[in-house]
């Protein structure tokens, strides 16, 4: 039931004809240089929306300051370093989920993963998932 509800919310909110799951059961979406996923949690009560936005970024003081600044601007998700990986994630309850809210969270997360991921990779070293979309600084 959780998967069907999430699929319906994605179809309605993003105006898609169909929503495809990957081999892990997640729903993948590309946003510029970033890839993000929607994962239904065990028990079907929570939806995790997440992106590994940049790889190979050393967590220096400057990087952590940039992430703190990013978090101050976010409404629905959070950003953090996991080793040398820049991660953006959000958790939302599935049952009361409506299309507009899901789209808002996905947009904030995807935009953050794309823009901040590019910035961290370009300025502090590292790479993003899709280099072909990287804007010139």
C-alpha atoms as a PDB file:
ATOM      1  CA  UNK A   1       0.000   0.000   0.000  1.00  0.00           C
ATOM      2  CA  UNK A   2       2.832   2.455   0.787  1.00  0.00           C
ATOM      3  CA  UNK A   3       4.432   1.985  -2.634  1.00  0.00           C
ATOM      4  CA  UNK A   4       1.157   2.495  -4.472  1.00  0.00           C
ATOM      5  CA  UNK A   5       0.474   5.688  -2.496  1.00  0.00           C
ATOM      6  CA  UNK A   6       3.971   7.054  -3.191  1.00  0.00           C
ATOM      7  CA  UNK A   7       3.628   6.175  -6.887  1.00  0.00           C
ATOM      8  CA  UNK A   8       0.260   7.938  -7.089  1.00  0.00           C
ATOM      9  CA  UNK A   9       1.652  11.036  -5.322  1.00  0.00           C
ATOM     10  CA  UNK A  10       4.620  11.122  -7.717  1.00  0.00           C
ATOM     11  CA  UNK A  11       2.417  10.680 -10.798  1.00  0.00           C
ATOM     12  CA  UNK A  12       0.028  13.415  -9.689  1.00  0.00           C
ATOM     13  CA  UNK A  13       2.587  15.850  -8.290  1.00  0.00           C
ATOM     14  CA  UNK A  14       5.170  15.532 -11.053  1.00  0.00           C
ATOM     15  CA  UNK A  15       2.611  14.932 -13.800  1.00  0.00           C
ATOM     16  CA  UNK A  16       4.172  11.624 -14.863  1.00  0.00           C
ATOM     17  CA  UNK A  17       2.501   8.898 -16.896  1.00  0.00           C
ATOM     18  CA  UNK A  18       4.315   6.198 -14.970  1.00  0.00           C
ATOM     19  CA  UNK A  19       6.754   5.890 -12.092  1.00  0.00           C
ATOM     20  CA  UNK A  20       9.492   3.277 -12.289  1.00  0.00           C
ATOM     21  CA  UNK A  21      11.287   1.519  -9.460  1.00  0.00           C
ATOM     22  CA  UNK A  22      14.932   0.528  -9.701  1.00  0.00           C
ATOM     23  CA  UNK A  23      16.272  -2.911  -8.750  1.00  0.00           C
ATOM     24  CA  UNK A  24      16.425  -1.856  -5.064  1.00  0.00           C
ATOM     25  CA  UNK A  25      12.755  -0.841  -5.018  1.00  0.00           C
ATOM     26  CA  UNK A  26      13.622   2.872  -4.940  1.00  0.00           C
ATOM     27  CA  UNK A  27      12.288   5.609  -7.213  1.00  0.00           C
ATOM     28  CA  UNK A  28      15.234   7.362  -8.940  1.00  0.00           C
ATOM     29  CA  UNK A  29      15.109  10.908 -10.306  1.00  0.00           C
ATOM     30  CA  UNK A  30      17.761  13.093 -11.896  1.00  0.00           C
ATOM     31  CA  UNK A  31      18.054  16.790 -11.064  1.00  0.00           C
ATOM     32  CA  UNK A  32      20.850  18.478 -13.028  1.00  0.00           C
ATOM     33  CA  UNK A  33      24.162  17.006 -11.899  1.00  0.00           C
ATOM     34  CA  UNK A  34      22.532  15.027  -9.086  1.00  0.00           C
ATOM     35  CA  UNK A  35      20.582  11.822  -8.749  1.00  0.00           C
ATOM     36  CA  UNK A  36      18.126  11.457  -5.898  1.00  0.00           C
ATOM     37  CA  UNK A  37      16.014   8.546  -4.729  1.00  0.00           C
ATOM     38  CA  UNK A  38      12.795   7.955  -2.854  1.00  0.00           C
ATOM     39  CA  UNK A  39      12.906   4.886  -0.605  1.00  0.00           C
ATOM     40  CA  UNK A  40       9.933   3.474   1.281  1.00  0.00           C
ATOM     41  CA  UNK A  41      11.070   2.533   4.783  1.00  0.00           C
ATOM     42  CA  UNK A  42      10.440  -0.772   6.491  1.00  0.00           C
ATOM     43  CA  UNK A  43       6.892  -0.964   7.700  1.00  0.00           C
ATOM     44  CA  UNK A  44       5.777   1.493   5.010  1.00  0.00           C
ATOM     45  CA  UNK A  45       5.362   4.477   7.336  1.00  0.00           C
ATOM     46  CA  UNK A  46       8.239   6.739   6.271  1.00  0.00           C
ATOM     47  CA  UNK A  47       9.594   7.846   2.929  1.00  0.00           C
ATOM     48  CA  UNK A  48      13.294   8.677   2.739  1.00  0.00           C
ATOM     49  CA  UNK A  49      14.314  11.051  -0.043  1.00  0.00           C
ATOM     50  CA  UNK A  50      18.078  11.179  -0.449  1.00  0.00           C
ATOM     51  CA  UNK A  51      21.025  12.008  -2.659  1.00  0.00           C
ATOM     52  CA  UNK A  52      24.736  11.337  -2.570  1.00  0.00           C
ATOM     53  CA  UNK A  53      25.334  14.688  -4.237  1.00  0.00           C
ATOM     54  CA  UNK A  54      29.138  14.891  -4.372  1.00  0.00           C
ATOM     55  CA  UNK A  55      31.936  12.364  -3.897  1.00  0.00           C
ATOM     56  CA  UNK A  56      35.560  12.744  -2.888  1.00  0.00           C
ATOM     57  CA  UNK A  57      35.049  16.005  -0.985  1.00  0.00           C
ATOM     58  CA  UNK A  58      37.310  16.322   2.033  1.00  0.00           C
ATOM     59  CA  UNK A  59      35.293  17.525   5.064  1.00  0.00           C
ATOM     60  CA  UNK A  60      37.431  20.586   5.812  1.00  0.00           C
ATOM     61  CA  UNK A  61      36.324  23.509   7.978  1.00  0.00           C
ATOM     62  CA  UNK A  62      35.389  25.475   4.847  1.00  0.00           C
ATOM     63  CA  UNK A  63      33.243  22.600   3.551  1.00  0.00           C
ATOM     64  CA  UNK A  64      31.506  22.216   6.904  1.00  0.00           C
ATOM     65  CA  UNK A  65      30.839  25.975   7.042  1.00  0.00           C
ATOM     66  CA  UNK A  66      29.248  25.766   3.598  1.00  0.00           C
ATOM     67  CA  UNK A  67      27.065  22.851   4.724  1.00  0.00           C
ATOM     68  CA  UNK A  68      26.011  24.726   7.884  1.00  0.00           C
ATOM     69  CA  UNK A  69      25.084  27.717   5.744  1.00  0.00           C
ATOM     70  CA  UNK A  70      23.120  25.438   3.413  1.00  0.00           C
ATOM     71  CA  UNK A  71      21.217  23.890   6.319  1.00  0.00           C
ATOM     72  CA  UNK A  72      20.177  27.340   7.526  1.00  0.00           C
ATOM     73  CA  UNK A  73      18.337  27.869   4.228  1.00  0.00           C
ATOM     74  CA  UNK A  74      16.659  24.444   4.006  1.00  0.00           C
ATOM     75  CA  UNK A  75      13.046  23.924   5.055  1.00  0.00           C
ATOM     76  CA  UNK A  76      12.388  20.224   4.405  1.00  0.00           C
ATOM     77  CA  UNK A  77      15.710  18.409   4.271  1.00  0.00           C
ATOM     78  CA  UNK A  78      19.183  18.413   5.771  1.00  0.00           C
ATOM     79  CA  UNK A  79      22.684  18.295   4.347  1.00  0.00           C
ATOM     80  CA  UNK A  80      25.741  16.659   5.862  1.00  0.00           C
ATOM     81  CA  UNK A  81      29.049  14.964   5.145  1.00  0.00           C
ATOM     82  CA  UNK A  82      29.341  11.196   5.401  1.00  0.00           C
ATOM     83  CA  UNK A  83      33.052  10.549   5.101  1.00  0.00           C
ATOM     84  CA  UNK A  84      34.007  12.242   1.827  1.00  0.00           C
ATOM     85  CA  UNK A  85      30.451  12.184   0.477  1.00  0.00           C
ATOM     86  CA  UNK A  86      28.067  15.153   0.535  1.00  0.00           C
ATOM     87  CA  UNK A  87      24.580  13.855   1.373  1.00  0.00           C
ATOM     88  CA  UNK A  88      21.183  15.542   1.306  1.00  0.00           C
ATOM     89  CA  UNK A  89      18.181  13.730   2.791  1.00  0.00           C
ATOM     90  CA  UNK A  90      14.640  14.158   4.059  1.00  0.00           C
ATOM     91  CA  UNK A  91      12.150  11.906   5.812  1.00  0.00           C
ATOM     92  CA  UNK A  92       8.403  12.346   5.378  1.00  0.00           C
ATOM     93  CA  UNK A  93       5.484  10.300   6.710  1.00  0.00           C
ATOM     94  CA  UNK A  94       3.737   8.402   3.926  1.00  0.00           C
ATOM     95  CA  UNK A  95       0.145   8.247   5.133  1.00  0.00           C
ATOM     96  CA  UNK A  96      -0.673  11.998   5.131  1.00  0.00           C
ATOM     97  CA  UNK A  97       1.499  12.652   2.048  1.00  0.00           C
ATOM     98  CA  UNK A  98      -0.016  14.891  -0.623  1.00  0.00           C
ATOM     99  CA  UNK A  99       1.389  15.555  -4.118  1.00  0.00           C
ATOM    100  CA  UNK A 100       2.235  19.241  -3.596  1.00  0.00           C
ATOM    101  CA  UNK A 101       4.258  18.642  -0.445  1.00  0.00           C
ATOM    102  CA  UNK A 102       6.119  15.691  -1.974  1.00  0.00           C
ATOM    103  CA  UNK A 103       7.054  17.797  -5.005  1.00  0.00           C
ATOM    104  CA  UNK A 104       8.230  20.648  -2.748  1.00  0.00           C
ATOM    105  CA  UNK A 105      10.511  18.338  -0.760  1.00  0.00           C
ATOM    106  CA  UNK A 106      11.859  16.680  -3.921  1.00  0.00           C
ATOM    107  CA  UNK A 107      12.509  20.056  -5.541  1.00  0.00           C
ATOM    108  CA  UNK A 108      14.344  21.439  -2.505  1.00  0.00           C
ATOM    109  CA  UNK A 109      16.416  18.286  -2.157  1.00  0.00           C
ATOM    110  CA  UNK A 110      17.187  17.971  -5.876  1.00  0.00           C
ATOM    111  CA  UNK A 111      18.130  21.632  -6.245  1.00  0.00           C
ATOM    112  CA  UNK A 112      20.340  21.513  -3.149  1.00  0.00           C
ATOM    113  CA  UNK A 113      22.058  18.327  -4.303  1.00  0.00           C
ATOM    114  CA  UNK A 114      22.665  19.820  -7.750  1.00  0.00           C
ATOM    115  CA  UNK A 115      23.773  23.348  -6.805  1.00  0.00           C
ATOM    116  CA  UNK A 116      25.672  22.715  -3.568  1.00  0.00           C
ATOM    117  CA  UNK A 117      27.081  19.430  -4.873  1.00  0.00           C
ATOM    118  CA  UNK A 118      28.534  21.276  -7.890  1.00  0.00           C
ATOM    119  CA  UNK A 119      29.918  24.026  -5.675  1.00  0.00           C
ATOM    120  CA  UNK A 120      31.619  21.655  -3.250  1.00  0.00           C
ATOM    121  CA  UNK A 121      33.047  19.512  -6.057  1.00  0.00           C
ATOM    122  CA  UNK A 122      34.352  22.507  -8.023  1.00  0.00           C
ATOM    123  CA  UNK A 123      35.781  24.527  -5.132  1.00  0.00           C
ATOM    124  CA  UNK A 124      36.913  21.789  -2.749  1.00  0.00           C
ATOM    125  CA  UNK A 125      37.653  18.891  -5.102  1.00  0.00           C
ATOM    126  CA  UNK A 126      35.448  15.938  -5.815  1.00  0.00           C
ATOM    127  CA  UNK A 127      32.889  14.987  -8.394  1.00  0.00           C
ATOM    128  CA  UNK A 128      29.168  14.914  -9.007  1.00  0.00           C
ATOM    129  CA  UNK A 129      27.056  12.123 -10.501  1.00  0.00           C
ATOM    130  CA  UNK A 130      26.567  13.779 -13.915  1.00  0.00           C
ATOM    131  CA  UNK A 131      29.484  15.953 -14.995  1.00  0.00           C
ATOM    132  CA  UNK A 132      27.770  16.709 -18.334  1.00  0.00           C
ATOM    133  CA  UNK A 133      25.406  19.114 -16.539  1.00  0.00           C
ATOM    134  CA  UNK A 134      28.107  21.006 -14.609  1.00  0.00           C
ATOM    135  CA  UNK A 135      27.858  24.769 -15.063  1.00  0.00           C
ATOM    136  CA  UNK A 136      30.989  26.837 -15.544  1.00  0.00           C
ATOM    137  CA  UNK A 137      31.744  28.699 -12.309  1.00  0.00           C
END
